[in-house]
Amino acid sequence: MQEYCHRCGGELSGDTHFCPHCGAPQLTLSLEQQSVEAGGERPDGVATAASTSAVPPPMPRSIDWRVAIRYAVIVAAVGAMLSLAAVRVDVLSLPSLLWLVSASMITLGLYQKRLPAARIDAGIGARIGVVVGLCLALGLAISMTGWGLIERYALHGMGSFDAQMMTQMAQAQQQLQQRAAAQKTPVPPELMALIRSSEFRAATMLVGYAMLAAALTVVSAVGGAFGGLLRTKRPLTR
């Protein structure tokens, strides 16, 4: 049977591994492989998919992100509501903290319950934990921002928060002045005006929340890795 190159279509002469026209490598199949692809049986008697008319199962994905993100959002929403309620009810502070710390393990439990055959190990748990941490940070930001707007403009109850922020800014100014006096260098008035400005207070809050979000992500990743390690399916030993 005459054979042709798969790249240039030129004729191949003899048993060659490269096309004499374009130099493209040529793939050859053994008789055993050709019989298997034709739908027969292997020499060891194992039937192929073509002979049994059965479709081979798909390769399992490492993570079903659609399911994982769905449960991560649900767990993060519950954690945001608990944290928001803990601002008003002190009794909910401990349950809210425990939920935030174990959010990635809760998500892994829901994920494995939804997909019992899914592969879970420490690496997969850590990756899902990172997603849970990011969802928690976003959920807390949305809930706290919304509640702050309602508290300030609808309930007019942010006076204590403003007083606390002013106290912290006054302490920062005092510490800066003490350091400047110890080093015998005057503090520039522009720096003092910057510390007293509302922009500096907003930047301080943003930096503090960024640190909180980073801590939540790290804790969720570590918790997810630990939960994935516990849920790793190990082969049975006789």
Protein backbone atom coordinates (compact mmCIF):
# COMPACT_ATOMS: atom_id res chain seq x y z
CA MET A 1 0.00 0.00 0.00
CA GLN A 2 1.38 3.37 -1.03
CA GLU A 3 1.92 5.77 1.85
CA TYR A 4 1.98 9.57 1.78
CA CYS A 5 3.42 12.23 4.04
CA HIS A 6 0.93 13.76 6.47
CA ARG A 7 2.49 17.23 6.04
CA CYS A 8 3.31 17.74 2.35
CA GLY A 9 1.43 14.79 0.82
CA GLY A 10 4.52 13.46 -0.95
CA GLU A 11 4.98 9.76 -1.65
CA LEU A 12 7.02 7.74 0.84
CA SER A 13 9.31 5.06 -0.46
CA GLY A 14 10.17 2.06 1.64
CA ASP A 15 10.33 1.90 5.44
CA THR A 16 11.38 5.45 6.20
CA HIS A 17 10.90 7.47 9.37
CA PHE A 18 11.27 10.87 7.69
CA CYS A 19 9.71 12.34 4.56
CA PRO A 20 12.33 12.68 1.78
CA HIS A 21 10.54 15.83 0.52
CA CYS A 22 9.94 17.97 3.64
CA GLY A 23 11.76 16.00 6.36
CA ALA A 24 8.67 15.59 8.57
CA PRO A 25 8.86 12.62 10.98
CA GLN A 26 6.47 9.79 10.15
CA LEU A 27 4.56 7.77 12.73
CA THR A 28 4.11 4.05 12.23
CA LEU A 29 1.84 1.63 14.09
CA SER A 30 2.65 -1.95 14.86
CA LEU A 31 0.30 -4.72 13.82
CA GLU A 32 -0.84 -5.12 17.42
CA GLN A 33 -1.77 -1.45 17.70
CA GLN A 34 -3.51 -1.51 14.32
CA SER A 35 -5.65 -4.47 15.38
CA VAL A 36 -6.55 -2.72 18.64
CA GLU A 37 -7.56 0.49 16.83
CA ALA A 38 -9.56 -1.56 14.33
CA GLY A 39 -11.83 -2.74 17.16
CA GLY A 40 -10.54 -6.19 17.96
CA GLU A 41 -9.12 -7.66 21.13
CA ARG A 42 -5.67 -7.41 22.54
CA PRO A 43 -3.45 -10.45 22.54
CA ASP A 44 -4.12 -10.85 26.29
CA GLY A 45 -7.87 -11.15 25.67
CA VAL A 46 -8.92 -7.70 26.91
CA ALA A 47 -11.69 -6.25 24.79
CA THR A 48 -11.38 -2.71 23.54
CA ALA A 49 -14.01 0.04 23.49
CA ALA A 50 -14.74 -0.56 19.79
CA SER A 51 -15.41 -4.29 20.29
CA THR A 52 -17.68 -3.80 23.31
CA SER A 53 -19.38 -0.63 22.00
CA ALA A 54 -18.69 0.98 25.39
CA VAL A 55 -17.54 4.57 25.63
CA PRO A 56 -14.40 4.91 27.76
CA PRO A 57 -14.89 7.04 30.87
CA PRO A 58 -13.61 10.61 30.66
CA MET A 59 -10.42 11.55 32.38
CA PRO A 60 -11.26 12.92 35.82
CA ARG A 61 -10.55 16.60 36.33
CA SER A 62 -8.46 17.54 39.31
CA ILE A 63 -10.93 20.20 40.50
CA ASP A 64 -14.47 20.95 39.41
CA TRP A 65 -14.17 24.72 39.84
CA ARG A 66 -17.82 25.37 39.15
CA VAL A 67 -18.87 23.30 42.17
CA ALA A 68 -15.95 24.46 44.31
CA ILE A 69 -16.57 28.17 43.69
CA ARG A 70 -20.29 27.74 44.30
CA TYR A 71 -19.71 26.23 47.74
CA ALA A 72 -16.93 28.72 48.49
CA VAL A 73 -19.34 31.61 47.82
CA ILE A 74 -22.02 30.03 50.03
CA VAL A 75 -19.60 29.45 52.91
CA ALA A 76 -18.17 32.97 52.53
CA ALA A 77 -21.67 34.48 52.56
CA VAL A 78 -22.51 32.66 55.79
CA GLY A 79 -19.22 33.80 57.32
CA ALA A 80 -19.88 37.43 56.29
CA MET A 81 -23.34 37.35 57.86
CA LEU A 82 -21.98 35.86 61.08
CA SER A 83 -19.22 38.48 61.24
CA LEU A 84 -21.75 41.22 60.63
CA ALA A 85 -24.03 39.88 63.34
CA ALA A 86 -21.09 39.55 65.75
CA VAL A 87 -20.61 43.34 65.56
CA ARG A 88 -23.95 43.74 67.35
CA VAL A 89 -24.14 40.47 69.31
CA ASP A 90 -21.02 39.63 71.30
CA VAL A 91 -22.10 36.01 71.79
CA LEU A 92 -21.64 35.38 68.06
CA SER A 93 -17.99 36.48 68.07
CA LEU A 94 -16.62 33.00 68.84
CA PRO A 95 -18.86 31.13 66.33
CA SER A 96 -17.97 33.71 63.70
CA LEU A 97 -14.25 33.26 64.33
CA LEU A 98 -14.52 29.47 64.25
CA TRP A 99 -16.47 29.62 60.99
CA LEU A 100 -13.88 31.87 59.35
CA VAL A 101 -11.00 29.64 60.46
CA SER A 102 -12.66 26.39 59.32
CA ALA A 103 -14.33 27.78 56.18
CA SER A 104 -12.03 25.93 53.79
CA MET A 105 -12.58 22.59 55.55
CA ILE A 106 -16.34 23.15 55.48
CA THR A 107 -16.12 23.88 51.75
CA LEU A 108 -14.10 20.70 51.16
CA GLY A 109 -16.71 18.68 53.05
CA LEU A 110 -19.52 20.07 50.89
CA TYR A 111 -17.42 19.56 47.76
CA GLN A 112 -16.70 15.91 48.55
CA LYS A 113 -20.34 15.30 49.48
CA ARG A 114 -21.41 16.68 46.10
CA LEU A 115 -18.66 14.81 44.19
CA PRO A 116 -17.79 11.64 46.14
CA ALA A 117 -15.50 10.33 43.38
CA ALA A 118 -13.51 13.57 43.07
CA ARG A 119 -9.81 13.37 43.83
CA ILE A 120 -8.83 15.35 46.94
CA ASP A 121 -5.38 15.76 48.40
CA ALA A 122 -3.37 18.43 50.18
CA GLY A 123 -2.58 20.37 47.00
CA ILE A 124 -6.18 20.42 45.81
CA GLY A 125 -7.34 21.38 49.29
CA ALA A 126 -4.88 24.27 49.41
CA ARG A 127 -6.02 25.59 46.01
CA ILE A 128 -9.67 25.44 47.04
CA GLY A 129 -8.68 27.06 50.35
CA VAL A 130 -7.15 30.03 48.53
CA VAL A 131 -10.42 30.53 46.63
CA VAL A 132 -12.36 30.32 49.90
CA GLY A 133 -10.06 32.90 51.49
CA LEU A 134 -10.54 35.31 48.60
CA CYS A 135 -14.32 34.83 48.75
CA LEU A 136 -14.25 35.47 52.50
CA ALA A 137 -12.25 38.66 52.05
CA LEU A 138 -14.61 39.90 49.34
CA GLY A 139 -17.70 38.94 51.34
CA LEU A 140 -16.47 40.70 54.47
CA ALA A 141 -15.57 43.81 52.46
CA ILE A 142 -19.03 43.99 50.87
CA SER A 143 -20.92 43.31 54.10
CA MET A 144 -18.89 45.67 56.27
CA THR A 145 -19.00 48.45 53.67
CA GLY A 146 -22.76 48.13 53.24
CA TRP A 147 -23.35 48.08 56.97
CA GLY A 148 -21.05 51.08 57.47
CA LEU A 149 -23.03 53.12 54.93
CA ILE A 150 -26.32 52.20 56.58
CA GLU A 151 -24.93 52.90 60.05
CA ARG A 152 -23.51 56.29 59.10
CA TYR A 153 -26.14 57.77 56.81
CA ALA A 154 -29.33 56.01 57.95
CA LEU A 155 -28.82 55.25 61.64
CA HIS A 156 -26.22 57.96 62.39
CA GLY A 157 -24.42 55.63 64.76
CA MET A 158 -20.77 55.90 63.68
CA GLY A 159 -19.81 58.43 66.32
CA SER A 160 -17.98 55.90 68.48
CA PHE A 161 -16.06 54.59 65.48
CA ASP A 162 -15.01 58.11 64.47
CA ALA A 163 -13.90 58.85 68.03
CA GLN A 164 -11.82 55.68 68.09
CA MET A 165 -10.16 56.58 64.80
CA MET A 166 -9.38 60.10 66.05
CA THR A 167 -7.84 58.63 69.20
CA GLN A 168 -5.61 56.33 67.14
CA MET A 169 -4.54 59.19 64.89
CA ALA A 170 -3.74 61.35 67.94
CA GLN A 171 -1.61 58.55 69.37
CA ALA A 172 0.22 58.23 66.04
CA GLN A 173 0.92 61.97 66.02
CA GLN A 174 2.17 61.84 69.58
CA GLN A 175 4.51 58.93 68.87
CA LEU A 176 5.83 60.72 65.79
CA GLN A 177 6.51 63.88 67.77
CA GLN A 178 8.28 61.92 70.51
CA ARG A 179 10.55 60.22 67.98
CA ALA A 180 11.28 63.54 66.33
CA ALA A 181 12.13 65.11 69.70
CA ALA A 182 14.43 62.20 70.55
CA GLN A 183 16.24 62.57 67.22
CA LYS A 184 16.16 66.40 67.47
CA THR A 185 14.60 66.72 64.03
CA PRO A 186 11.45 68.81 63.58
CA VAL A 187 8.38 67.17 62.11
CA PRO A 188 7.38 68.75 58.77
CA PRO A 189 4.00 70.44 59.01
CA GLU A 190 2.95 68.78 55.76
CA LEU A 191 3.36 65.37 57.40
CA MET A 192 1.26 66.40 60.40
CA ALA A 193 -1.44 67.72 58.08
CA LEU A 194 -1.39 64.43 56.16
CA ILE A 195 -1.87 62.42 59.35
CA ARG A 196 -4.87 64.58 60.33
CA SER A 197 -6.51 64.23 56.90
CA SER A 198 -9.41 61.92 56.12
CA GLU A 199 -7.43 60.39 53.25
CA PHE A 200 -4.82 59.12 55.71
CA ARG A 201 -7.54 57.52 57.84
CA ALA A 202 -9.01 55.85 54.75
CA ALA A 203 -5.59 54.60 53.68
CA THR A 204 -5.00 53.23 57.19
CA MET A 205 -8.27 51.31 57.05
CA LEU A 206 -7.48 49.95 53.60
CA VAL A 207 -4.03 48.76 54.67
CA GLY A 208 -5.51 47.12 57.75
CA TYR A 209 -8.15 45.34 55.69
CA ALA A 210 -5.55 44.22 53.13
CA MET A 211 -3.58 42.61 55.95
CA LEU A 212 -6.77 40.94 57.21
CA ALA A 213 -7.54 39.62 53.72
CA ALA A 214 -4.02 38.25 53.35
CA ALA A 215 -4.27 36.53 56.73
CA LEU A 216 -7.64 35.02 55.81
CA THR A 217 -6.23 33.69 52.54
CA VAL A 218 -3.21 32.12 54.24
CA VAL A 219 -5.32 30.55 57.01
CA SER A 220 -7.80 29.21 54.46
CA ALA A 221 -5.01 27.76 52.32
CA VAL A 222 -3.42 26.03 55.30
CA GLY A 223 -6.79 24.76 56.50
CA GLY A 224 -7.65 23.52 53.02
CA ALA A 225 -4.33 21.69 52.73
CA PHE A 226 -4.90 20.03 56.12
CA GLY A 227 -8.48 19.12 55.22
CA GLY A 228 -7.38 17.75 51.85
CA LEU A 229 -4.69 15.67 53.54
CA LEU A 230 -7.27 14.17 55.88
CA ARG A 231 -9.63 13.42 53.00
CA THR A 232 -7.01 11.84 50.74
CA LYS A 233 -8.18 8.40 49.65
CA ARG A 234 -5.44 5.90 50.39
CA PRO A 235 -5.29 2.41 48.85
CA LEU A 236 -6.43 -0.42 51.05
CA THR A 237 -3.69 -2.73 52.35
CA ARG A 238 -4.29 -6.38 52.96
